[in-house]
Amino acid sequence: MSYPGHNGGPTLEPGASWRRHCWSEARSALLPTLPVEIVRLRVKRAAELGLDYRTYAGFRATSGHDIVAFLFSTNALRLIREGDRMAPVDAAKLAALGGVSRLLAAQPPLDPARVREGLARQGVEFGAAGRAPGLAQTWSETRAALRAFLAEGGQPAGGVVVIGETALERDWVAAARMAGFLTAARYFGGQTAVGGI
């Protein structure tokens, strides 16, 4: 029980250590014990996707699916104006991705086809590119637009992770029931920067 002015420290009620022990046992019973071979495969898969193992395992546990695609917003790639280029280190990371599709959601006023062509000139190929859902769209319109985009690319929503920058892009995950969201800074390691031609 919490009282006004209570600092949230450990409870002084009797039986606290027993309850903590029971909670720990119940929690560990829920977590699967994976064979070492499976863990090794998943560590390798995480590296292939450019993710740390903990992040990768979290997405798998939450969605129940392997990651089959990343949906990058142009905000995440720091492509704000026509002619902007990705930072070379970030472009190299995307070009090296294996066993996963790259999808692109272009924020207005950028043209998806032109951004995709510009990225291809940097050595980064995207499987599909489309216009990002906007602020004026309702929740159901956003969901329909994202699901149509993913279906066009043949990607199951539960296996797609959004790499974005804004709260609006974070909301795409819930709207289309995708696997999860990462900020560009977290995915690229804080190295992303705008570069014009």
C-alpha atoms as a PDB file:
ATOM      1  CA  MET A   1       0.000   0.000   0.000  1.00  0.00           C
ATOM      2  CA  SER A   2       1.269   3.488  -0.817  1.00  0.00           C
ATOM      3  CA  TYR A   3       0.721   6.483   1.440  1.00  0.00           C
ATOM      4  CA  PRO A   4       1.184  10.203   0.748  1.00  0.00           C
ATOM      5  CA  GLY A   5       4.857  10.959   1.167  1.00  0.00           C
ATOM      6  CA  HIS A   6       5.838   7.293   0.749  1.00  0.00           C
ATOM      7  CA  ASN A   7       9.142   7.049  -1.139  1.00  0.00           C
ATOM      8  CA  GLY A   8       8.343   3.729  -2.846  1.00  0.00           C
ATOM      9  CA  GLY A   9      11.019   1.883  -0.877  1.00  0.00           C
ATOM     10  CA  PRO A  10      10.734  -1.780   0.102  1.00  0.00           C
ATOM     11  CA  THR A  11       7.578  -2.788   1.891  1.00  0.00           C
ATOM     12  CA  LEU A  12       7.772  -3.422   5.597  1.00  0.00           C
ATOM     13  CA  GLU A  13       4.737  -5.715   5.602  1.00  0.00           C
ATOM     14  CA  PRO A  14       5.346  -9.311   6.688  1.00  0.00           C
ATOM     15  CA  GLY A  15       5.881 -11.872   3.928  1.00  0.00           C
ATOM     16  CA  ALA A  16       7.489  -9.475   1.428  1.00  0.00           C
ATOM     17  CA  SER A  17      10.473 -11.743   0.780  1.00  0.00           C
ATOM     18  CA  TRP A  18       8.154 -14.741   0.197  1.00  0.00           C
ATOM     19  CA  ARG A  19       6.055 -12.763  -2.309  1.00  0.00           C
ATOM     20  CA  ARG A  20       9.227 -11.606  -4.085  1.00  0.00           C
ATOM     21  CA  HIS A  21      10.444 -15.226  -4.250  1.00  0.00           C
ATOM     22  CA  CYS A  22       7.062 -16.413  -5.644  1.00  0.00           C
ATOM     23  CA  TRP A  23       7.046 -13.636  -8.233  1.00  0.00           C
ATOM     24  CA  SER A  24      10.599 -14.495  -9.340  1.00  0.00           C
ATOM     25  CA  GLU A  25       9.748 -18.194  -9.655  1.00  0.00           C
ATOM     26  CA  ALA A  26       6.579 -17.477 -11.637  1.00  0.00           C
ATOM     27  CA  ARG A  27       8.450 -15.097 -13.946  1.00  0.00           C
ATOM     28  CA  SER A  28      11.250 -17.574 -14.653  1.00  0.00           C
ATOM     29  CA  ALA A  29       8.681 -20.317 -15.340  1.00  0.00           C
ATOM     30  CA  LEU A  30       7.172 -18.115 -18.054  1.00  0.00           C
ATOM     31  CA  LEU A  31      10.482 -17.542 -19.819  1.00  0.00           C
ATOM     32  CA  PRO A  32      11.375 -20.364 -22.183  1.00  0.00           C
ATOM     33  CA  THR A  33      14.681 -22.122 -21.828  1.00  0.00           C
ATOM     34  CA  LEU A  34      16.098 -22.246 -25.318  1.00  0.00           C
ATOM     35  CA  PRO A  35      18.693 -24.761 -26.461  1.00  0.00           C
ATOM     36  CA  VAL A  36      22.139 -23.260 -27.012  1.00  0.00           C
ATOM     37  CA  GLU A  37      21.937 -23.947 -30.774  1.00  0.00           C
ATOM     38  CA  ILE A  38      18.753 -21.845 -31.048  1.00  0.00           C
ATOM     39  CA  VAL A  39      20.319 -19.009 -29.064  1.00  0.00           C
ATOM     40  CA  ARG A  40      23.384 -19.073 -31.355  1.00  0.00           C
ATOM     41  CA  LEU A  41      21.158 -18.916 -34.442  1.00  0.00           C
ATOM     42  CA  ARG A  42      19.225 -15.995 -32.977  1.00  0.00           C
ATOM     43  CA  VAL A  43      22.400 -14.122 -32.040  1.00  0.00           C
ATOM     44  CA  LYS A  44      23.588 -14.584 -35.632  1.00  0.00           C
ATOM     45  CA  ARG A  45      20.205 -13.430 -36.969  1.00  0.00           C
ATOM     46  CA  ALA A  46      20.279 -10.326 -34.749  1.00  0.00           C
ATOM     47  CA  ALA A  47      23.724  -9.410 -36.115  1.00  0.00           C
ATOM     48  CA  GLU A  48      22.473  -9.968 -39.675  1.00  0.00           C
ATOM     49  CA  LEU A  49      19.695  -7.434 -38.978  1.00  0.00           C
ATOM     50  CA  GLY A  50      22.030  -4.886 -37.393  1.00  0.00           C
ATOM     51  CA  LEU A  51      20.402  -5.312 -33.975  1.00  0.00           C
ATOM     52  CA  ASP A  52      21.738  -6.286 -30.591  1.00  0.00           C
ATOM     53  CA  TYR A  53      20.463  -9.659 -29.371  1.00  0.00           C
ATOM     54  CA  ARG A  54      18.331  -8.227 -26.570  1.00  0.00           C
ATOM     55  CA  THR A  55      16.415  -5.928 -28.940  1.00  0.00           C
ATOM     56  CA  TYR A  56      15.936  -8.720 -31.492  1.00  0.00           C
ATOM     57  CA  ALA A  57      14.761 -11.187 -28.837  1.00  0.00           C
ATOM     58  CA  GLY A  58      12.333  -8.583 -27.483  1.00  0.00           C
ATOM     59  CA  PHE A  59      10.713  -8.125 -30.891  1.00  0.00           C
ATOM     60  CA  ARG A  60      10.444 -11.892 -31.365  1.00  0.00           C
ATOM     61  CA  ALA A  61       8.935 -12.396 -27.930  1.00  0.00           C
ATOM     62  CA  THR A  62       6.435  -9.562 -28.357  1.00  0.00           C
ATOM     63  CA  SER A  63       5.252 -10.345 -31.886  1.00  0.00           C
ATOM     64  CA  GLY A  64       5.811 -14.102 -32.014  1.00  0.00           C
ATOM     65  CA  HIS A  65       7.420 -13.643 -35.464  1.00  0.00           C
ATOM     66  CA  ASP A  66      10.878 -13.267 -36.900  1.00  0.00           C
ATOM     67  CA  ILE A  67      11.679  -9.857 -38.381  1.00  0.00           C
ATOM     68  CA  VAL A  68      11.136 -10.049 -42.137  1.00  0.00           C
ATOM     69  CA  ALA A  69      11.249  -6.330 -42.991  1.00  0.00           C
ATOM     70  CA  PHE A  70      12.204  -2.897 -41.730  1.00  0.00           C
ATOM     71  CA  LEU A  71       9.962   0.036 -42.645  1.00  0.00           C
ATOM     72  CA  PHE A  72      12.139   3.163 -42.686  1.00  0.00           C
ATOM     73  CA  SER A  73      10.595   6.621 -42.718  1.00  0.00           C
ATOM     74  CA  THR A  74      12.435   9.330 -44.602  1.00  0.00           C
ATOM     75  CA  ASN A  75      12.589  11.149 -41.248  1.00  0.00           C
ATOM     76  CA  ALA A  76      14.618   8.251 -39.834  1.00  0.00           C
ATOM     77  CA  LEU A  77      16.973   8.378 -42.817  1.00  0.00           C
ATOM     78  CA  ARG A  78      17.291  12.161 -42.349  1.00  0.00           C
ATOM     79  CA  LEU A  79      15.979  12.769 -45.844  1.00  0.00           C
ATOM     80  CA  ILE A  80      14.002  15.959 -45.362  1.00  0.00           C
ATOM     81  CA  ARG A  81      14.423  17.859 -48.638  1.00  0.00           C
ATOM     82  CA  GLU A  82      14.717  16.774 -52.230  1.00  0.00           C
ATOM     83  CA  GLY A  83      18.367  15.912 -52.919  1.00  0.00           C
ATOM     84  CA  ASP A  84      19.325  14.992 -49.338  1.00  0.00           C
ATOM     85  CA  ARG A  85      21.580  11.946 -49.013  1.00  0.00           C
ATOM     86  CA  MET A  86      22.013   9.453 -46.209  1.00  0.00           C
ATOM     87  CA  ALA A  87      25.131   9.603 -44.095  1.00  0.00           C
ATOM     88  CA  PRO A  88      27.610   7.174 -45.753  1.00  0.00           C
ATOM     89  CA  VAL A  89      28.014   5.059 -42.594  1.00  0.00           C
ATOM     90  CA  ASP A  90      24.227   4.607 -42.337  1.00  0.00           C
ATOM     91  CA  ALA A  91      23.892   3.804 -46.041  1.00  0.00           C
ATOM     92  CA  ALA A  92      26.593   1.158 -45.640  1.00  0.00           C
ATOM     93  CA  LYS A  93      24.728  -0.385 -42.700  1.00  0.00           C
ATOM     94  CA  LEU A  94      21.506  -0.626 -44.734  1.00  0.00           C
ATOM     95  CA  ALA A  95      23.302  -1.990 -47.798  1.00  0.00           C
ATOM     96  CA  ALA A  96      24.839  -4.751 -45.665  1.00  0.00           C
ATOM     97  CA  LEU A  97      21.509  -5.956 -44.238  1.00  0.00           C
ATOM     98  CA  GLY A  98      20.862  -9.617 -45.014  1.00  0.00           C
ATOM     99  CA  GLY A  99      17.746 -11.738 -45.023  1.00  0.00           C
ATOM    100  CA  VAL A 100      15.328  -8.841 -44.545  1.00  0.00           C
ATOM    101  CA  SER A 101      13.340  -6.535 -46.816  1.00  0.00           C
ATOM    102  CA  ARG A 102      13.791  -2.769 -46.714  1.00  0.00           C
ATOM    103  CA  LEU A 103      10.614  -0.697 -47.112  1.00  0.00           C
ATOM    104  CA  LEU A 104      10.444   3.083 -47.412  1.00  0.00           C
ATOM    105  CA  ALA A 105       7.721   5.480 -46.248  1.00  0.00           C
ATOM    106  CA  ALA A 106       8.338   8.919 -47.760  1.00  0.00           C
ATOM    107  CA  GLN A 107       7.067  11.903 -45.793  1.00  0.00           C
ATOM    108  CA  PRO A 108       5.557  14.773 -47.813  1.00  0.00           C
ATOM    109  CA  PRO A 109       6.672  16.610 -49.844  1.00  0.00           C
ATOM    110  CA  LEU A 110       9.157  13.907 -50.894  1.00  0.00           C
ATOM    111  CA  ASP A 111       8.274  11.683 -53.842  1.00  0.00           C
ATOM    112  CA  PRO A 112       8.701   7.988 -52.897  1.00  0.00           C
ATOM    113  CA  ALA A 113       9.997   6.926 -56.335  1.00  0.00           C
ATOM    114  CA  ARG A 114      12.595   9.701 -56.483  1.00  0.00           C
ATOM    115  CA  VAL A 115      13.818   9.034 -52.942  1.00  0.00           C
ATOM    116  CA  ARG A 116      14.094   5.327 -53.747  1.00  0.00           C
ATOM    117  CA  GLU A 117      16.155   6.117 -56.882  1.00  0.00           C
ATOM    118  CA  GLY A 118      18.445   8.431 -54.889  1.00  0.00           C
ATOM    119  CA  LEU A 119      19.021   5.747 -52.278  1.00  0.00           C
ATOM    120  CA  ALA A 120      19.771   3.179 -54.986  1.00  0.00           C
ATOM    121  CA  ARG A 121      22.518   5.530 -56.239  1.00  0.00           C
ATOM    122  CA  GLN A 122      23.980   5.308 -52.715  1.00  0.00           C
ATOM    123  CA  GLY A 123      23.921   1.502 -52.938  1.00  0.00           C
ATOM    124  CA  VAL A 124      20.797   0.980 -50.803  1.00  0.00           C
ATOM    125  CA  GLU A 125      17.974  -0.915 -52.505  1.00  0.00           C
ATOM    126  CA  PHE A 126      14.426  -0.766 -51.146  1.00  0.00           C
ATOM    127  CA  GLY A 127      11.861  -3.454 -51.960  1.00  0.00           C
ATOM    128  CA  ALA A 128       8.951  -1.013 -51.936  1.00  0.00           C
ATOM    129  CA  ALA A 129       8.426   2.690 -51.446  1.00  0.00           C
ATOM    130  CA  GLY A 130       5.219   4.549 -50.715  1.00  0.00           C
ATOM    131  CA  ARG A 131       3.861   7.742 -49.244  1.00  0.00           C
ATOM    132  CA  ALA A 132       3.799   7.838 -45.434  1.00  0.00           C
ATOM    133  CA  PRO A 133       0.406   8.231 -43.738  1.00  0.00           C
ATOM    134  CA  GLY A 134      -0.086  11.858 -42.755  1.00  0.00           C
ATOM    135  CA  LEU A 135      -1.455  13.831 -39.826  1.00  0.00           C
ATOM    136  CA  ALA A 136      -4.756  14.466 -41.606  1.00  0.00           C
ATOM    137  CA  GLN A 137      -5.545  10.749 -41.837  1.00  0.00           C
ATOM    138  CA  THR A 138      -7.705   9.048 -39.240  1.00  0.00           C
ATOM    139  CA  TRP A 139      -6.525   6.007 -37.283  1.00  0.00           C
ATOM    140  CA  SER A 140      -8.473   3.636 -39.546  1.00  0.00           C
ATOM    141  CA  GLU A 141      -7.201   5.369 -42.699  1.00  0.00           C
ATOM    142  CA  THR A 142      -3.636   5.076 -41.399  1.00  0.00           C
ATOM    143  CA  ARG A 143      -4.162   1.378 -40.633  1.00  0.00           C
ATOM    144  CA  ALA A 144      -5.657   0.728 -44.082  1.00  0.00           C
ATOM    145  CA  ALA A 145      -2.833   2.616 -45.847  1.00  0.00           C
ATOM    146  CA  LEU A 146      -0.110   0.768 -43.940  1.00  0.00           C
ATOM    147  CA  ARG A 147      -1.713  -2.646 -44.372  1.00  0.00           C
ATOM    148  CA  ALA A 148      -2.172  -2.055 -48.107  1.00  0.00           C
ATOM    149  CA  PHE A 149       1.465  -0.972 -48.402  1.00  0.00           C
ATOM    150  CA  LEU A 150       2.697  -4.043 -46.513  1.00  0.00           C
ATOM    151  CA  ALA A 151       0.432  -6.375 -48.499  1.00  0.00           C
ATOM    152  CA  GLU A 152       1.742  -4.900 -51.759  1.00  0.00           C
ATOM    153  CA  GLY A 153       5.260  -5.728 -50.606  1.00  0.00           C
ATOM    154  CA  GLY A 154       4.140  -9.197 -49.453  1.00  0.00           C
ATOM    155  CA  GLN A 155       5.142  -8.546 -45.842  1.00  0.00           C
ATOM    156  CA  PRO A 156       3.182  -9.801 -42.811  1.00  0.00           C
ATOM    157  CA  ALA A 157       2.663  -6.875 -40.422  1.00  0.00           C
ATOM    158  CA  GLY A 158       3.731  -8.937 -37.397  1.00  0.00           C
ATOM    159  CA  GLY A 159       7.229  -9.317 -38.861  1.00  0.00           C
ATOM    160  CA  VAL A 160       7.843  -5.638 -39.703  1.00  0.00           C
ATOM    161  CA  VAL A 161       9.753  -3.219 -37.458  1.00  0.00           C
ATOM    162  CA  VAL A 162       9.359   0.529 -38.006  1.00  0.00           C
ATOM    163  CA  ILE A 163      12.501   2.663 -37.868  1.00  0.00           C
ATOM    164  CA  GLY A 164      11.253   6.207 -37.364  1.00  0.00           C
ATOM    165  CA  GLU A 165      11.659   9.464 -35.518  1.00  0.00           C
ATOM    166  CA  THR A 166       8.257  10.827 -34.527  1.00  0.00           C
ATOM    167  CA  ALA A 167       5.387   9.823 -32.264  1.00  0.00           C
ATOM    168  CA  LEU A 168       3.199   9.615 -35.373  1.00  0.00           C
ATOM    169  CA  GLU A 169       5.526   6.987 -36.847  1.00  0.00           C
ATOM    170  CA  ARG A 170       5.568   5.133 -33.530  1.00  0.00           C
ATOM    171  CA  ASP A 171       1.757   4.977 -33.732  1.00  0.00           C
ATOM    172  CA  TRP A 172       1.998   3.112 -37.050  1.00  0.00           C
ATOM    173  CA  VAL A 173       3.042   0.021 -35.080  1.00  0.00           C
ATOM    174  CA  ALA A 174      -0.211  -0.104 -33.120  1.00  0.00           C
ATOM    175  CA  ALA A 175      -2.330   0.946 -36.089  1.00  0.00           C
ATOM    176  CA  ALA A 176      -1.113  -1.866 -38.369  1.00  0.00           C
ATOM    177  CA  ARG A 177      -0.107  -4.327 -35.599  1.00  0.00           C
ATOM    178  CA  MET A 178       3.533  -4.394 -36.578  1.00  0.00           C
ATOM    179  CA  ALA A 179       6.350  -5.989 -34.568  1.00  0.00           C
ATOM    180  CA  GLY A 180       7.805  -2.863 -32.998  1.00  0.00           C
ATOM    181  CA  PHE A 181       9.487   0.519 -33.283  1.00  0.00           C
ATOM    182  CA  LEU A 182      13.052   1.781 -33.006  1.00  0.00           C
ATOM    183  CA  THR A 183      14.275   5.332 -33.277  1.00  0.00           C
ATOM    184  CA  ALA A 184      16.835   6.065 -35.958  1.00  0.00           C
ATOM    185  CA  ALA A 185      19.342   7.071 -33.264  1.00  0.00           C
ATOM    186  CA  ARG A 186      18.991   3.681 -31.605  1.00  0.00           C
ATOM    187  CA  TYR A 187      19.146   1.711 -34.844  1.00  0.00           C
ATOM    188  CA  PHE A 188      22.007   3.630 -36.426  1.00  0.00           C
ATOM    189  CA  GLY A 189      23.846   4.240 -33.164  1.00  0.00           C
ATOM    190  CA  GLY A 190      23.368   7.993 -33.143  1.00  0.00           C
ATOM    191  CA  GLN A 191      25.472   8.493 -36.277  1.00  0.00           C
ATOM    192  CA  THR A 192      22.716   9.554 -38.674  1.00  0.00           C
ATOM    193  CA  ALA A 193      23.173  13.036 -40.121  1.00  0.00           C
ATOM    194  CA  VAL A 194      21.653  15.083 -42.933  1.00  0.00           C
ATOM    195  CA  GLY A 195      23.846  15.464 -45.962  1.00  0.00           C
ATOM    196  CA  GLY A 196      22.974  17.461 -49.066  1.00  0.00           C
ATOM    197  CA  ILE A 197      24.435  17.011 -52.502  1.00  0.00           C
END
